[in-house]
Amino acid sequence: MLIQYPYLVEQNKTEELRKHTRNGFLANNLLLASGLVVILSGLALQIGFHMGGPQGHQIGAHDVQSQIIQHEQ
């Protein structure tokens, strides 16, 4: 027969609560860090796109010529 003393039961509950709190803290911090990485990479893409100039926006489209359409009245 296993006899559990009250102070051991309280100690186990305290350790479980501490482990649960630590795991939640780590999960939340990892989510925040990954969100920050996503935000910064999106910002870097936007800045790179807008700072590239018009020649950077149409890579490979320099040979394409627009057709002029004239409408008769």
C-alpha atoms as a PDB file:
ATOM      1  CA  MET A   1       0.000   0.000   0.000  1.00  0.00           C
ATOM      2  CA  LEU A   2       1.361   3.372  -1.066  1.00  0.00           C
ATOM      3  CA  ILE A   3       1.112   6.130   1.484  1.00  0.00           C
ATOM      4  CA  GLN A   4       1.323   9.654   0.121  1.00  0.00           C
ATOM      5  CA  TYR A   5       2.157  12.388   2.503  1.00  0.00           C
ATOM      6  CA  PRO A   6       0.335  15.707   2.055  1.00  0.00           C
ATOM      7  CA  TYR A   7       3.509  17.722   1.504  1.00  0.00           C
ATOM      8  CA  LEU A   8       4.560  15.341  -1.313  1.00  0.00           C
ATOM      9  CA  VAL A   9       1.190  15.718  -3.015  1.00  0.00           C
ATOM     10  CA  GLU A  10       1.470  19.505  -2.816  1.00  0.00           C
ATOM     11  CA  GLN A  11       5.040  19.333  -4.120  1.00  0.00           C
ATOM     12  CA  ASN A  12       3.924  17.237  -7.124  1.00  0.00           C
ATOM     13  CA  LYS A  13       1.134  19.704  -7.907  1.00  0.00           C
ATOM     14  CA  THR A  14       3.577  22.577  -7.692  1.00  0.00           C
ATOM     15  CA  GLU A  15       6.025  20.839 -10.048  1.00  0.00           C
ATOM     16  CA  GLU A  16       3.257  20.068 -12.551  1.00  0.00           C
ATOM     17  CA  LEU A  17       2.030  23.647 -12.436  1.00  0.00           C
ATOM     18  CA  ARG A  18       5.577  24.938 -12.912  1.00  0.00           C
ATOM     19  CA  LYS A  19       6.130  22.585 -15.890  1.00  0.00           C
ATOM     20  CA  HIS A  20       2.791  23.609 -17.440  1.00  0.00           C
ATOM     21  CA  THR A  21       3.618  27.301 -17.004  1.00  0.00           C
ATOM     22  CA  ARG A  22       7.081  26.863 -18.514  1.00  0.00           C
ATOM     23  CA  ASN A  23       5.701  24.947 -21.522  1.00  0.00           C
ATOM     24  CA  GLY A  24       3.078  27.622 -22.123  1.00  0.00           C
ATOM     25  CA  PHE A  25       5.709  30.341 -21.836  1.00  0.00           C
ATOM     26  CA  LEU A  26       7.960  28.601 -24.361  1.00  0.00           C
ATOM     27  CA  ALA A  27       5.095  27.972 -26.800  1.00  0.00           C
ATOM     28  CA  ASN A  28       3.949  31.591 -26.643  1.00  0.00           C
ATOM     29  CA  ASN A  29       7.462  32.929 -27.125  1.00  0.00           C
ATOM     30  CA  LEU A  30       8.067  30.644 -30.103  1.00  0.00           C
ATOM     31  CA  LEU A  31       4.810  31.822 -31.667  1.00  0.00           C
ATOM     32  CA  LEU A  32       5.786  35.448 -31.139  1.00  0.00           C
ATOM     33  CA  ALA A  33       9.259  34.865 -32.576  1.00  0.00           C
ATOM     34  CA  SER A  34       7.942  33.075 -35.671  1.00  0.00           C
ATOM     35  CA  GLY A  35       5.341  35.812 -36.206  1.00  0.00           C
ATOM     36  CA  LEU A  36       8.068  38.431 -35.983  1.00  0.00           C
ATOM     37  CA  VAL A  37      10.137  36.543 -38.572  1.00  0.00           C
ATOM     38  CA  VAL A  38       7.154  36.395 -40.928  1.00  0.00           C
ATOM     39  CA  ILE A  39       6.472  40.110 -40.494  1.00  0.00           C
ATOM     40  CA  LEU A  40      10.095  41.096 -41.084  1.00  0.00           C
ATOM     41  CA  SER A  41      10.460  38.868 -44.142  1.00  0.00           C
ATOM     42  CA  GLY A  42       7.274  40.321 -45.641  1.00  0.00           C
ATOM     43  CA  LEU A  43       8.538  43.812 -44.939  1.00  0.00           C
ATOM     44  CA  ALA A  44      11.873  42.990 -46.588  1.00  0.00           C
ATOM     45  CA  LEU A  45      10.062  41.680 -49.668  1.00  0.00           C
ATOM     46  CA  GLN A  46       7.889  44.789 -49.897  1.00  0.00           C
ATOM     47  CA  ILE A  47      10.823  47.165 -49.494  1.00  0.00           C
ATOM     48  CA  GLY A  48      12.873  45.214 -52.029  1.00  0.00           C
ATOM     49  CA  PHE A  49      10.014  45.300 -54.508  1.00  0.00           C
ATOM     50  CA  HIS A  50       9.351  49.019 -54.155  1.00  0.00           C
ATOM     51  CA  MET A  51      12.985  50.087 -54.041  1.00  0.00           C
ATOM     52  CA  GLY A  52      13.953  48.119 -57.146  1.00  0.00           C
ATOM     53  CA  GLY A  53      12.737  50.706 -59.653  1.00  0.00           C
ATOM     54  CA  PRO A  54      10.657  50.054 -62.754  1.00  0.00           C
ATOM     55  CA  GLN A  55      13.253  47.839 -64.417  1.00  0.00           C
ATOM     56  CA  GLY A  56      13.154  45.463 -61.440  1.00  0.00           C
ATOM     57  CA  HIS A  57       9.394  45.008 -61.601  1.00  0.00           C
ATOM     58  CA  GLN A  58       9.293  43.588 -65.095  1.00  0.00           C
ATOM     59  CA  ILE A  59      12.183  41.223 -65.305  1.00  0.00           C
ATOM     60  CA  GLY A  60      12.155  39.580 -68.714  1.00  0.00           C
ATOM     61  CA  ALA A  61       9.456  41.897 -70.027  1.00  0.00           C
ATOM     62  CA  HIS A  62      11.812  44.387 -71.680  1.00  0.00           C
ATOM     63  CA  ASP A  63      11.222  42.765 -75.101  1.00  0.00           C
ATOM     64  CA  VAL A  64       7.447  43.004 -74.856  1.00  0.00           C
ATOM     65  CA  GLN A  65       5.972  45.887 -76.815  1.00  0.00           C
ATOM     66  CA  SER A  66       2.543  47.316 -76.144  1.00  0.00           C
ATOM     67  CA  GLN A  67       0.054  47.355 -78.957  1.00  0.00           C
ATOM     68  CA  ILE A  68      -1.575  50.668 -79.761  1.00  0.00           C
ATOM     69  CA  ILE A  69      -5.292  50.396 -80.283  1.00  0.00           C
ATOM     70  CA  GLN A  70      -7.079  53.117 -82.205  1.00  0.00           C
ATOM     71  CA  HIS A  71     -10.836  53.340 -82.242  1.00  0.00           C
ATOM     72  CA  GLU A  72     -12.695  54.753 -85.219  1.00  0.00           C
ATOM     73  CA  GLN A  73     -15.516  57.163 -84.563  1.00  0.00           C
END
